[in-house]
Every structure is written in C-alpha cells, then in structure tokens.
Amino acid sequence: MILLFIALVSIALYLYGTRNFDYWRKRGIKYEEPVVFFGGWLRQHIDRVSVSERFANLHRAFPEERFVGFFEGNTPAVLVRDLELIKQVLLTDFRYIHHRGAIPLTEFTEPLMRNLFTIEGDVWKLMRQKLTPAFSSAKLKAMFPLIVERTEKLAKLADEASLKDEIDVRELMARYTTDFIGACGFGIDSNALNEEHSDFRKLGKRIFNLTYRDLFFNVMKRAFPGPFKHARYFPSEVENKTISIVRQIMAQRDYKPSGRNDFMDILLELRQKGKIVGESIERQNPDGSPATVELELDDELLAAQVFAFFAAGHETSSSASSFLLHILAYHPEVQERCQKEVDEVLAKYDGKLCFDAVRDMKYLEMAFKESIRCLPSPGFLIRRTVCKYTIPDSQVTLDEGTIIIVSTECLSLDEKYFEDPEEFRPERFHPDNVANIKKCTFMPFGVGPRSCIGERMGIMQSMAGVATILSKFTVAPSRSSVRKPRIDPKSILVQNIIGGLPLALKRRQK
C-alpha cells in the first residue's frame, strides 16, 4: 500500500509539474524541452552557463525560426529571433508589452523591487516621467565635478597598483564606480577607492555576488510564484542597509535638497512637490481617455530608486569600463590611438578632465561602444505582455503575462549584422558608419520607452574612468590574463567574470 501511495503521489506530482508542457507542441511551434516543475529555468545550472548565455544558446539552437517557445516553470514563454519581429515587440507594440517582466507577477512586491527598473504599470510610468529630467545633459554637467573627484582618487590608486606585477582592473573599476555612486547617488563619500573593504563596497558585492540562498529563491519564485510570493530576492541585510542609508541621508538634509546636485537632491525635490499626478497607462475613463492616477513618494519608494541607481549603475558601468581596458590591452594599436586622443583633448582643457572634455573623446567612445557590443552585459532583454497579444504574421496568440525574451548577445555577435563580429573594430561606430548598423541589433541599454534612463550617465562615468587610466598608464596582459575570460555561470543579470580581469599597469613616459 505504501508503494502504491508513493507511486500515485509521484504520478500526480509529475502530471501537475508538466501540465502545460504540450502548449507549444499543440500550436506547432518549436520549443526547448522543459524540465518537470522548472521548465527552462534550471537550464542555466544544468549547462553551467549564465542567464545571458542560456538565452544566447536557445537563440542559436533554432536558426530558421522567427520565434521559439520555452517554459518559465510551467508557464509558456517565448524568445523572439527575427529582427523585424523584435522591432515590433519592443517598439511598435509597446502598449501591449510595456511590462519589464523581470519579476513574477504577484500581489506582493518587496520594497527594493519597486524601483524604476523592475516596477510595472502606473508606478513605472509616473516615476519614469519625473526622473527622466534628472539625467539631462545639464544635470550631468552639474554633477560632473563629483565624478572628477573620484577620477583623481582612481589615478592615485592606479599609481600605487602600477608598482605590482598585476592588478584586477575589474575590482579597481568597481571600487571607482562604487565611490562615484556613493557621491552622485547617495551623496556620501563611500571611501570605496581608499578602503577595499568599505561598507559601501561590501554592499555592492553582496548585491551581485549571489549565494545559494539567492539562487534558490530566484528559481523557486519563478517556478512557483504563488507559494513563494512572499519570499524575497534580496536578503534582509541588503534591504535594511539600503533603506537605512537613504533615511539617514534624507534626515541629515532635513528632507530638503542640499545643493550637491546629486541623485538624492533630485528625489528630495520630487518629494517636496508632494504626490506625483499623471495619466494612467493601465486604466481608462468611460470615454476611453487615460484615467488620472496619483503616487505617494514614501521613504521606501525613494530608497528603491536609489537602490536601482546603485545596482544598475554599479555592475554595468564597472563591467563595461574594465572590459574595455581588458580588450585594449590585447589591441595595443587601438589603445595608442585612444591615448593620443585623450592627450590631445586634455591639452585643450588645460590638462583637466571635465564634462566637455569627455564628450570630445569621440574615438574613445567608439571603442567603448564596440567593447560592449563584444560583451553586452546584460545580454538579454525581458518583457511581459499586458494583454492577449497575437504575434504578427502568425496564428499564435500569447496570453496576458507571457514573458518575451530577446537575446541582445546573439544580435550583437551575428555576422548577418556585423561583419567578422568576433573582431574588435571601434570604427563600426564612427559617425560615417553608424547609419549602417541596423536598428535593434545593438541594444546594450535597451530600446524604446523602457530603455535605460541612465545611459548617458553610465557612458560618461565609464569613459571618465578609462580616460583617467589611459592618460597616465598603458594596460597590458599580465601573467594571469586570459584573452577570452570565462563568464560566471551564477550570473543572472550582469555577466560577472570568473577570476576578475588581471592586467599590468605601466606608467606612461610622456
């Protein structure tokens, strides 16, 4: 009897765990074979690849298909491959697919997930509308002196590091980025550049150095969003530390802008104006016009925006700037040209780095964009339908809440769109050649209304750091350098690199 009971329970669990697995087969759509209960979300761990690489592998596995099916837990999802269909999904049909889809839909959203990157619907629309001016050229220029202070510290630290055989430039640029975010986001001196084990640097590492606890809840929330709806992606120490820091800073400023021109001042300006009022993206009046909605800016909502400023800017910027230095070490002719430009531009500005000087470094910007084409981080975009959506030129109608994935990694390394895609060629992004790059094949910051709001800031801050290094040093491969570094398979969003990026820094003789 016991064996019969176990057999019946096992069969019941199997049937429950595979209840939707015939979804794509019934519709005649090719799909990735799922795993019981987990669908495709265990594929990353089975194949020992990052999430970006997982979706890149799925994209490459079906070269003749416009789109392919897979499963998120038991829920059908789709990866879009065809370029015209990608444009349709991300741009033309945005009103049907405006959810980011980064977290499962439940009635509970943990406080830090109410940030501009992951929040959906009206909260996203109102926050995006109000925060966009915070990243204007005028605001960036006003904030730039804070960046310059950090680059001066970076130069001193790099000078000390040049006495060693090698240094992990990934860690070096992460400390620079952490210090920058501390100053421009939180309005504090994080001491990340001076103190390798500062509290702020520890916070940055904890957010992105995923533990088995983090991986477990990430998988379980996707496979079983209902039972695990109250489980949190971020551990209590990250949430409590972030909210505590934000509350302390706001209290120190008496909940009023301080004149520092940092991100915290911008949020306090919004708070002073009271509720945010605007048109709804989700609800309509009886006459069909958008309903009016309001949003209260409480401490936790503001903390979530600062968290996004930290989390989104920290890993993406430090990853991009350090990988550019890594790739320049293996392309000395490109590095020399970048150094020559940096020298000439700085000479125009009396040897001082400033906002306009970085904007004049056109070739360095070309090299920067080419490096993030070679290693986009993250290497995929995720969206979720807000209603039933029929895929153009097909008989397939996606249900409301269906996840849609685009592999930006595959697009940027596809020989159909980039000649010899494995080669590092900054000239691809020369003004005369940019028009030849097809829309939606290069999307390191996303595209459309949900593109990265901090794109310009990320580029400016990264280029300022790289220009500072190149003005005083030459980077070269060291004894531990690997030309094509391995991506950490635990990477979920940003492509973390196993072992960092060790390079040798050699003082330039001018």
Protein backbone atom coordinates (compact mmCIF):
# COMPACT_ATOMS: atom_id res chain seq x y z
CA MET A 1 0.00 0.00 0.00
CA ILE A 2 2.82 2.39 0.85
CA LEU A 3 4.47 1.76 -2.51
CA LEU A 4 1.15 2.30 -4.30
CA PHE A 5 0.63 5.57 -2.40
CA ILE A 6 4.13 6.78 -3.29
CA ALA A 7 3.55 5.82 -6.93
CA LEU A 8 0.22 7.68 -7.05
CA VAL A 9 1.71 10.78 -5.40
CA SER A 10 4.68 10.70 -7.80
CA ILE A 11 2.36 10.42 -10.82
CA ALA A 12 0.18 13.25 -9.50
CA LEU A 13 3.21 15.48 -8.93
CA TYR A 14 4.57 14.66 -12.39
CA LEU A 15 1.25 15.46 -14.06
CA TYR A 16 0.99 18.71 -12.10
CA GLY A 17 4.59 19.65 -12.88
CA THR A 18 4.12 19.04 -16.63
CA ARG A 19 0.51 20.24 -17.03
CA ASN A 20 1.30 22.89 -19.66
CA PHE A 21 4.24 21.24 -21.40
CA ASP A 22 2.22 20.43 -24.53
CA TYR A 23 1.39 24.13 -25.05
CA TRP A 24 3.87 24.85 -27.87
CA ARG A 25 3.57 21.38 -29.44
CA LYS A 26 -0.19 21.84 -29.87
CA ARG A 27 0.45 25.10 -31.71
CA GLY A 28 3.09 23.63 -33.98
CA ILE A 29 5.84 25.88 -32.58
CA LYS A 30 9.35 24.60 -31.99
CA TYR A 31 10.41 24.83 -28.37
CA GLU A 32 13.05 23.99 -25.78
CA GLU A 33 12.37 20.74 -23.94
CA PRO A 34 11.39 21.65 -20.36
CA VAL A 35 12.32 20.11 -17.00
CA VAL A 36 9.50 18.97 -14.70
CA PHE A 37 8.28 21.83 -12.47
CA PHE A 38 11.08 24.19 -13.51
CA GLY A 39 10.63 24.42 -17.28
CA GLY A 40 13.76 26.05 -18.70
CA TRP A 41 14.96 27.93 -15.63
CA LEU A 42 17.21 25.07 -14.50
CA ARG A 43 18.93 25.09 -17.89
CA GLN A 44 21.39 27.71 -16.70
CA HIS A 45 22.51 25.46 -13.84
CA ILE A 46 22.44 22.22 -15.84
CA ASP A 47 24.57 23.67 -18.64
CA ARG A 48 26.73 25.76 -16.26
CA VAL A 49 26.15 29.00 -18.16
CA SER A 50 24.93 32.48 -17.24
CA VAL A 51 21.35 33.55 -17.96
CA SER A 52 22.60 35.65 -20.91
CA GLU A 53 24.45 32.63 -22.32
CA ARG A 54 21.43 30.42 -21.74
CA PHE A 55 19.24 32.62 -23.91
CA ALA A 56 22.03 33.00 -26.48
CA ASN A 57 22.21 29.19 -26.73
CA LEU A 58 18.44 29.00 -27.17
CA HIS A 59 18.58 31.68 -29.89
CA ARG A 60 21.32 29.78 -31.78
CA ALA A 61 19.60 26.40 -31.44
CA PHE A 62 16.75 27.38 -33.81
CA PRO A 63 18.41 29.31 -36.67
CA GLU A 64 15.41 29.08 -39.02
CA GLU A 65 12.68 30.19 -36.61
CA ARG A 66 11.20 33.67 -36.14
CA PHE A 67 10.47 32.83 -32.52
CA VAL A 68 10.80 29.77 -30.28
CA GLY A 69 8.96 28.59 -27.20
CA PHE A 70 10.30 27.73 -23.78
CA PHE A 71 8.83 27.44 -20.29
CA GLU A 72 9.27 29.53 -17.19
CA GLY A 73 8.29 26.96 -14.61
CA ASN A 74 5.04 25.64 -16.08
CA THR A 75 4.25 28.89 -17.85
CA PRO A 76 4.84 29.17 -21.62
CA ALA A 77 7.26 31.91 -22.69
CA VAL A 78 8.80 32.91 -26.00
CA LEU A 79 12.18 34.02 -27.32
CA VAL A 80 11.98 36.28 -30.37
CA ARG A 81 14.71 35.87 -33.02
CA ASP A 82 13.51 37.70 -36.13
CA LEU A 83 14.74 41.32 -36.31
CA GLU A 84 11.51 42.77 -37.70
CA LEU A 85 9.51 40.96 -35.05
CA ILE A 86 11.88 42.25 -32.36
CA LYS A 87 11.24 45.83 -33.53
CA GLN A 88 7.50 45.15 -33.41
CA VAL A 89 7.65 43.78 -29.87
CA LEU A 90 9.98 46.39 -28.37
CA LEU A 91 8.79 49.50 -30.22
CA THR A 92 5.65 49.36 -32.37
CA ASP A 93 3.51 47.30 -30.00
CA PHE A 94 4.86 48.74 -26.75
CA ARG A 95 1.34 49.49 -25.48
CA TYR A 96 0.66 45.73 -25.38
CA ILE A 97 4.08 44.75 -23.98
CA HIS A 98 5.15 47.52 -21.64
CA HIS A 99 5.89 45.39 -18.55
CA ARG A 100 9.56 44.69 -17.97
CA GLY A 101 8.82 41.19 -16.75
CA ALA A 102 11.90 40.95 -14.53
CA ILE A 103 9.95 39.54 -11.58
CA PRO A 104 6.91 37.20 -11.45
CA LEU A 105 3.54 38.91 -11.13
CA THR A 106 2.07 38.53 -7.62
CA GLU A 107 0.20 40.90 -5.34
CA PHE A 108 3.34 41.29 -3.21
CA THR A 109 6.35 43.29 -4.37
CA GLU A 110 9.26 43.60 -1.95
CA PRO A 111 10.28 47.22 -1.22
CA LEU A 112 13.53 47.34 -3.23
CA MET A 113 11.79 45.85 -6.26
CA ARG A 114 9.60 48.95 -6.53
CA ASN A 115 12.41 50.62 -8.45
CA LEU A 116 12.27 52.06 -11.94
CA PHE A 117 13.98 49.02 -13.46
CA THR A 118 11.62 46.34 -12.14
CA ILE A 119 8.35 48.06 -11.23
CA GLU A 120 5.45 47.96 -13.69
CA GLY A 121 2.38 49.92 -14.74
CA ASP A 122 1.46 53.35 -13.41
CA VAL A 123 4.21 53.46 -10.78
CA TRP A 124 6.77 52.92 -13.53
CA LYS A 125 5.19 55.50 -15.86
CA LEU A 126 4.97 58.24 -13.22
CA MET A 127 8.47 57.63 -11.84
CA ARG A 128 9.98 57.46 -15.34
CA GLN A 129 8.24 60.69 -16.31
CA LYS A 130 9.57 62.54 -13.24
CA LEU A 131 13.09 61.06 -13.18
CA THR A 132 13.95 61.48 -16.87
CA PRO A 133 14.96 65.17 -16.41
CA ALA A 134 17.42 64.03 -13.71
CA PHE A 135 19.65 62.58 -16.43
CA SER A 136 19.62 65.55 -18.82
CA SER A 137 22.91 66.98 -20.13
CA ALA A 138 22.53 69.97 -17.82
CA LYS A 139 22.12 67.74 -14.76
CA LEU A 140 25.06 65.55 -15.79
CA LYS A 141 27.26 68.60 -16.29
CA ALA A 142 26.31 69.94 -12.85
CA MET A 143 27.11 66.54 -11.32
CA PHE A 144 30.39 66.07 -13.18
CA PRO A 145 32.68 67.71 -10.57
CA LEU A 146 31.72 64.83 -8.26
CA ILE A 147 32.93 62.40 -10.95
CA VAL A 148 36.21 64.31 -11.35
CA GLU A 149 36.91 63.98 -7.62
CA ARG A 150 36.54 60.22 -7.96
CA THR A 151 38.83 60.03 -11.01
CA GLU A 152 41.55 61.84 -9.05
CA LYS A 153 41.35 59.17 -6.36
CA LEU A 154 41.31 56.48 -9.07
CA ALA A 155 44.55 57.88 -10.56
CA LYS A 156 46.31 57.70 -7.18
CA LEU A 157 45.16 54.15 -6.55
CA ALA A 158 46.21 53.08 -10.05
CA ASP A 159 49.62 54.67 -9.49
CA GLU A 160 50.12 52.52 -6.40
CA ALA A 161 48.90 49.46 -8.28
CA SER A 162 51.38 50.05 -11.11
CA LEU A 163 54.18 49.02 -8.73
CA LYS A 164 52.75 45.48 -8.69
CA ASP A 165 53.04 42.83 -11.40
CA GLU A 166 49.30 42.88 -11.99
CA ILE A 167 46.03 44.28 -10.71
CA ASP A 168 42.43 43.16 -11.12
CA VAL A 169 41.01 46.05 -13.17
CA ARG A 170 37.51 44.65 -12.63
CA GLU A 171 37.88 45.28 -8.90
CA LEU A 172 39.65 48.61 -9.49
CA MET A 173 36.84 49.96 -11.68
CA ALA A 174 34.20 48.50 -9.35
CA ARG A 175 35.69 50.48 -6.48
CA TYR A 176 35.77 53.61 -8.65
CA THR A 177 32.14 53.06 -9.67
CA THR A 178 31.08 52.41 -6.08
CA ASP A 179 32.75 55.64 -4.97
CA PHE A 180 31.07 57.52 -7.83
CA ILE A 181 27.65 56.13 -6.95
CA GLY A 182 28.20 56.93 -3.30
CA ALA A 183 28.87 60.56 -4.21
CA CYS A 184 26.37 61.04 -7.05
CA GLY A 185 23.62 58.74 -5.83
CA PHE A 186 23.68 58.70 -2.05
CA GLY A 187 25.52 61.97 -1.58
CA ILE A 188 28.19 60.46 0.66
CA ASP A 189 31.89 59.63 0.47
CA SER A 190 31.87 55.85 0.37
CA ASN A 191 35.69 55.56 0.68
CA ALA A 192 35.44 52.56 -1.67
CA LEU A 193 38.58 53.67 -3.51
CA ASN A 194 40.59 54.21 -0.36
CA GLU A 195 39.23 51.26 1.59
CA GLU A 196 38.93 47.96 -0.24
CA HIS A 197 36.60 46.58 2.43
CA SER A 198 34.43 49.64 3.00
CA ASP A 199 30.79 49.06 3.99
CA PHE A 200 29.62 50.53 0.71
CA ARG A 201 31.85 48.22 -1.33
CA LYS A 202 30.62 45.26 0.72
CA LEU A 203 27.03 46.25 -0.08
CA GLY A 204 27.82 46.39 -3.80
CA LYS A 205 29.49 42.98 -3.70
CA ARG A 206 26.64 41.43 -1.72
CA ILE A 207 24.01 42.56 -4.22
CA PHE A 208 25.69 40.85 -7.15
CA ASN A 209 27.74 38.05 -5.58
CA LEU A 210 24.87 35.60 -5.44
CA THR A 211 24.71 32.99 -2.70
CA TYR A 212 22.97 29.62 -2.90
CA ARG A 213 20.17 31.24 -0.90
CA ASP A 214 19.72 33.85 -3.64
CA LEU A 215 19.83 31.27 -6.43
CA PHE A 216 17.32 29.04 -4.62
CA PHE A 217 14.74 31.78 -4.18
CA ASN A 218 15.31 33.09 -7.72
CA VAL A 219 14.49 29.67 -9.17
CA MET A 220 11.62 28.90 -6.78
CA LYS A 221 9.89 32.27 -7.23
CA ARG A 222 9.87 31.68 -10.98
CA ALA A 223 8.86 28.05 -10.81
CA PHE A 224 6.28 28.52 -8.01
CA PRO A 225 5.34 32.26 -7.94
CA GLY A 226 2.23 31.63 -5.82
CA PRO A 227 3.67 29.66 -2.87
CA PHE A 228 6.87 31.74 -2.90
CA LYS A 229 5.25 35.14 -3.47
CA HIS A 230 6.43 36.49 -0.09
CA ALA A 231 9.97 35.19 -0.48
CA ARG A 232 12.42 37.99 -1.23
CA TYR A 233 15.05 38.19 -3.93
CA PHE A 234 17.28 40.34 -1.74
CA PRO A 235 18.33 39.24 1.75
CA SER A 236 17.31 41.34 4.72
CA GLU A 237 20.81 42.80 5.17
CA VAL A 238 20.70 44.39 1.69
CA GLU A 239 17.17 45.74 2.08
CA ASN A 240 17.67 47.04 5.63
CA LYS A 241 21.08 48.58 4.87
CA THR A 242 19.84 50.40 1.77
CA ILE A 243 16.68 51.81 3.38
CA SER A 244 18.62 52.78 6.50
CA ILE A 245 21.27 54.68 4.48
CA VAL A 246 18.64 56.57 2.50
CA ARG A 247 16.66 57.54 5.60
CA GLN A 248 19.79 58.75 7.37
CA ILE A 249 20.84 60.94 4.44
CA MET A 250 17.37 62.41 4.00
CA ALA A 251 17.22 63.20 7.71
CA GLN A 252 20.69 64.81 7.59
CA ARG A 253 19.43 67.08 4.82
CA ASP A 254 16.25 67.81 6.74
CA TYR A 255 14.30 66.28 3.81
CA LYS A 256 15.31 69.21 1.57
CA PRO A 257 17.73 69.47 -1.39
CA SER A 258 21.27 70.26 -0.19
CA GLY A 259 22.67 71.89 -3.34
CA ARG A 260 25.02 68.98 -4.09
CA ASN A 261 23.20 68.34 -7.41
CA ASP A 262 23.25 64.60 -6.76
CA PHE A 263 20.52 62.00 -7.27
CA MET A 264 19.36 62.27 -3.68
CA ASP A 265 18.74 66.02 -4.16
CA ILE A 266 16.63 65.23 -7.22
CA LEU A 267 14.50 62.78 -5.24
CA LEU A 268 14.09 65.25 -2.38
CA GLU A 269 12.96 67.90 -4.89
CA LEU A 270 10.28 65.48 -6.09
CA ARG A 271 9.25 64.72 -2.51
CA GLN A 272 8.83 68.43 -1.74
CA LYS A 273 6.34 68.75 -4.58
CA GLY A 274 4.07 66.18 -2.96
CA LYS A 275 2.19 63.46 -4.81
CA ILE A 276 3.03 62.72 -8.43
CA VAL A 277 -0.07 63.06 -10.59
CA GLY A 278 -0.32 61.89 -14.17
CA GLU A 279 -2.14 59.85 -16.80
CA SER A 280 -2.55 56.14 -16.24
CA ILE A 281 -1.06 53.59 -18.59
CA GLU A 282 -3.32 50.88 -17.13
CA ARG A 283 -6.76 52.40 -16.56
CA GLN A 284 -9.18 54.38 -18.73
CA ASN A 285 -12.14 56.66 -18.10
CA PRO A 286 -15.56 55.66 -19.52
CA ASP A 287 -14.88 57.85 -22.56
CA GLY A 288 -11.67 55.96 -23.32
CA SER A 289 -9.27 58.67 -22.16
CA PRO A 290 -6.49 57.75 -19.68
CA ALA A 291 -7.56 57.91 -16.04
CA THR A 292 -5.72 60.24 -13.68
CA VAL A 293 -3.58 58.50 -11.06
CA GLU A 294 -1.56 59.62 -8.05
CA LEU A 295 1.64 58.29 -6.48
CA GLU A 296 2.80 58.96 -2.93
CA LEU A 297 6.58 59.23 -2.54
CA ASP A 298 7.32 57.44 0.74
CA ASP A 299 10.75 56.58 2.14
CA GLU A 300 10.73 53.02 0.79
CA LEU A 301 9.82 54.11 -2.75
CA LEU A 302 12.64 56.68 -2.74
CA ALA A 303 15.04 54.10 -1.32
CA ALA A 304 14.09 51.72 -4.15
CA GLN A 305 15.07 54.36 -6.75
CA VAL A 306 18.42 54.97 -5.06
CA PHE A 307 18.93 51.21 -4.91
CA ALA A 308 18.30 50.98 -8.67
CA PHE A 309 20.77 53.84 -9.24
CA PHE A 310 23.32 51.85 -7.23
CA ALA A 311 22.59 48.35 -8.51
CA ALA A 312 22.01 49.14 -12.19
CA GLY A 313 24.91 51.58 -12.43
CA HIS A 314 27.39 49.71 -10.28
CA GLU A 315 27.84 46.41 -12.10
CA THR A 316 27.06 47.54 -15.64
CA SER A 317 29.47 50.50 -15.55
CA SER A 318 32.30 48.71 -13.79
CA SER A 319 31.88 45.70 -16.07
CA ALA A 320 31.90 47.85 -19.22
CA SER A 321 34.86 50.05 -18.25
CA SER A 322 37.03 47.16 -17.02
CA PHE A 323 36.29 45.04 -20.10
CA LEU A 324 37.25 47.97 -22.33
CA LEU A 325 40.62 48.19 -20.53
CA HIS A 326 40.99 44.42 -20.90
CA ILE A 327 40.30 44.46 -24.62
CA LEU A 328 42.59 47.48 -25.16
CA ALA A 329 45.40 45.52 -23.51
CA TYR A 330 45.09 42.97 -26.32
CA HIS A 331 44.78 45.66 -29.03
CA PRO A 332 47.74 47.98 -28.40
CA GLU A 333 47.24 49.88 -31.67
CA VAL A 334 43.71 50.87 -30.63
CA GLN A 335 44.97 51.74 -27.15
CA GLU A 336 47.64 54.04 -28.57
CA ARG A 337 45.06 55.85 -30.67
CA CYS A 338 42.81 56.26 -27.62
CA GLN A 339 45.72 57.59 -25.57
CA LYS A 340 46.66 60.05 -28.28
CA GLU A 341 43.10 61.37 -28.38
CA VAL A 342 42.92 61.61 -24.59
CA ASP A 343 46.20 63.56 -24.54
CA GLU A 344 45.07 65.96 -27.26
CA VAL A 345 41.66 66.58 -25.72
CA LEU A 346 43.04 67.14 -22.21
CA ALA A 347 45.58 69.59 -23.65
CA LYS A 348 42.65 71.65 -24.97
CA TYR A 349 41.24 71.86 -21.44
CA ASP A 350 44.49 72.74 -19.61
CA GLY A 351 45.09 69.13 -18.68
CA LYS A 352 41.88 68.91 -16.67
CA LEU A 353 39.15 66.34 -17.09
CA CYS A 354 35.70 67.88 -17.41
CA PHE A 355 32.28 67.16 -18.89
CA ASP A 356 33.07 68.77 -22.26
CA ALA A 357 36.46 67.04 -22.46
CA VAL A 358 34.89 63.58 -22.14
CA ARG A 359 32.29 64.49 -24.77
CA ASP A 360 35.14 65.39 -27.15
CA MET A 361 36.73 61.94 -26.85
CA LYS A 362 34.96 60.54 -29.90
CA TYR A 363 37.31 57.67 -30.69
CA LEU A 364 37.32 56.51 -27.06
CA GLU A 365 33.52 56.47 -27.18
CA MET A 366 33.67 54.37 -30.36
CA ALA A 367 35.98 51.90 -28.60
CA PHE A 368 33.69 51.84 -25.56
CA LYS A 369 30.62 51.03 -27.65
CA GLU A 370 32.49 48.36 -29.58
CA SER A 371 33.62 46.71 -26.33
CA ILE A 372 30.04 46.47 -25.03
CA ARG A 373 28.99 45.07 -28.40
CA CYS A 374 31.58 42.32 -27.91
CA LEU A 375 30.39 41.65 -24.35
CA PRO A 376 26.92 43.06 -23.72
CA SER A 377 26.07 42.95 -20.04
CA PRO A 378 23.30 42.02 -19.55
CA GLY A 379 23.00 40.10 -22.80
CA PHE A 380 19.22 39.88 -23.00
CA LEU A 381 16.05 41.97 -22.73
CA ILE A 382 12.92 40.75 -20.98
CA ARG A 383 9.34 41.95 -21.47
CA ARG A 384 5.89 40.75 -20.41
CA THR A 385 2.59 41.13 -22.24
CA VAL A 386 -0.10 43.20 -20.51
CA CYS A 387 -2.95 41.65 -22.51
CA LYS A 388 -3.51 38.94 -25.12
CA TYR A 389 -1.09 39.55 -28.00
CA THR A 390 -1.09 37.88 -31.41
CA ILE A 391 2.42 37.57 -32.80
CA PRO A 392 2.40 39.38 -36.19
CA ASP A 393 2.22 37.13 -39.27
CA SER A 394 1.40 34.08 -37.15
CA GLN A 395 -1.58 32.25 -35.69
CA VAL A 396 -0.08 32.33 -32.19
CA THR A 397 -1.77 34.45 -29.53
CA LEU A 398 0.16 34.93 -26.31
CA ASP A 399 -1.76 35.12 -23.04
CA GLU A 400 -1.61 38.13 -20.76
CA GLY A 401 1.52 37.96 -18.60
CA THR A 402 3.60 35.97 -21.11
CA ILE A 403 7.37 36.52 -20.88
CA ILE A 404 9.14 37.58 -24.10
CA ILE A 405 12.95 37.39 -24.35
CA VAL A 406 15.35 38.99 -26.85
CA SER A 407 18.98 37.83 -26.87
CA THR A 408 20.95 41.04 -27.41
CA GLU A 409 24.14 38.99 -27.06
CA CYS A 410 23.30 36.98 -30.17
CA LEU A 411 22.19 40.01 -32.16
CA SER A 412 25.38 41.95 -31.47
CA LEU A 413 27.54 38.96 -32.42
CA ASP A 414 25.58 37.90 -35.50
CA GLU A 415 27.57 38.01 -38.76
CA LYS A 416 24.35 38.97 -40.58
CA TYR A 417 24.50 42.34 -38.85
CA PHE A 418 28.19 42.80 -38.01
CA GLU A 419 30.97 41.72 -40.35
CA ASP A 420 33.51 39.49 -38.55
CA PRO A 421 31.62 40.00 -35.28
CA GLU A 422 34.35 38.46 -33.10
CA GLU A 423 36.81 41.18 -34.16
CA PHE A 424 37.22 44.35 -32.11
CA ARG A 425 36.69 47.27 -34.54
CA PRO A 426 35.85 50.66 -32.98
CA GLU A 427 35.36 52.08 -36.49
CA ARG A 428 32.00 50.32 -36.64
CA PHE A 429 30.74 53.21 -34.50
CA HIS A 430 32.35 56.00 -36.50
CA PRO A 431 29.68 58.63 -37.34
CA ASP A 432 30.02 57.70 -41.03
CA ASN A 433 29.27 54.03 -40.26
CA VAL A 434 26.64 54.23 -37.52
CA ALA A 435 23.85 54.56 -40.08
CA ASN A 436 24.81 51.11 -41.38
CA ILE A 437 24.03 49.47 -38.03
CA LYS A 438 20.53 48.09 -38.25
CA LYS A 439 18.07 49.21 -35.59
CA CYS A 440 17.70 46.82 -32.67
CA THR A 441 20.91 44.88 -33.39
CA PHE A 442 22.93 46.91 -30.85
CA MET A 443 20.94 47.47 -27.66
CA PRO A 444 23.29 47.47 -24.64
CA PHE A 445 20.96 49.92 -22.88
CA GLY A 446 17.71 48.54 -24.26
CA VAL A 447 15.48 50.41 -26.67
CA GLY A 448 12.17 52.26 -26.61
CA PRO A 449 10.32 53.70 -23.59
CA ARG A 450 11.85 51.13 -21.23
CA SER A 451 15.44 51.75 -22.28
CA CYS A 452 17.96 52.54 -19.55
CA ILE A 453 17.27 56.01 -18.16
CA GLY A 454 20.91 56.36 -17.03
CA GLU A 455 22.55 55.51 -20.36
CA ARG A 456 24.33 58.83 -20.80
CA MET A 457 25.48 58.93 -17.20
CA GLY A 458 26.82 55.38 -17.43
CA ILE A 459 28.78 56.16 -20.59
CA MET A 460 30.17 59.44 -19.22
CA GLN A 461 31.23 57.95 -15.89
CA SER A 462 32.82 54.89 -17.53
CA MET A 463 34.68 56.94 -20.12
CA ALA A 464 35.93 59.36 -17.45
CA GLY A 465 37.43 56.45 -15.52
CA VAL A 466 39.01 54.82 -18.58
CA ALA A 467 40.36 58.17 -19.84
CA THR A 468 41.96 58.75 -16.43
CA ILE A 469 43.75 55.40 -16.59
CA LEU A 470 44.86 55.82 -20.22
CA SER A 471 46.16 59.35 -19.63
CA LYS A 472 48.74 58.05 -17.17
CA PHE A 473 49.15 54.33 -17.86
CA THR A 474 49.34 51.71 -20.55
CA VAL A 475 47.45 48.50 -19.86
CA ALA A 476 48.95 45.16 -20.94
CA PRO A 477 48.23 41.47 -20.40
CA SER A 478 49.78 40.11 -17.19
CA ARG A 479 50.79 36.61 -16.14
CA SER A 480 47.20 35.73 -15.11
CA SER A 481 45.38 37.40 -18.01
CA VAL A 482 43.08 35.32 -20.21
CA ARG A 483 42.26 36.77 -23.63
CA LYS A 484 38.70 35.44 -23.58
CA PRO A 485 37.66 35.32 -19.90
CA ARG A 486 35.03 32.90 -18.63
CA ILE A 487 31.62 34.15 -17.55
CA ASP A 488 30.48 33.08 -14.08
CA PRO A 489 27.56 30.63 -14.57
CA LYS A 490 25.85 32.09 -11.48
CA SER A 491 25.43 35.40 -13.34
CA ILE A 492 21.76 36.33 -13.61
CA LEU A 493 21.72 39.89 -14.93
CA VAL A 494 25.25 41.26 -15.32
CA GLN A 495 27.88 38.99 -16.86
CA ASN A 496 30.34 38.52 -14.00
CA ILE A 497 33.76 37.18 -14.94
CA ILE A 498 35.44 34.32 -13.08
CA GLY A 499 38.75 35.42 -11.58
CA GLY A 500 38.29 39.10 -12.47
CA LEU A 501 40.33 40.84 -15.17
CA PRO A 502 44.02 40.89 -14.16
CA LEU A 503 46.20 43.30 -16.16
CA ALA A 504 49.55 45.04 -15.80
CA LEU A 505 49.57 48.85 -15.46
CA LYS A 506 52.68 50.54 -16.82
CA ARG A 507 53.34 54.23 -16.25
CA ARG A 508 53.47 56.15 -19.48
CA GLN A 509 56.58 58.14 -20.35
CA LYS A 510 55.36 61.41 -21.81
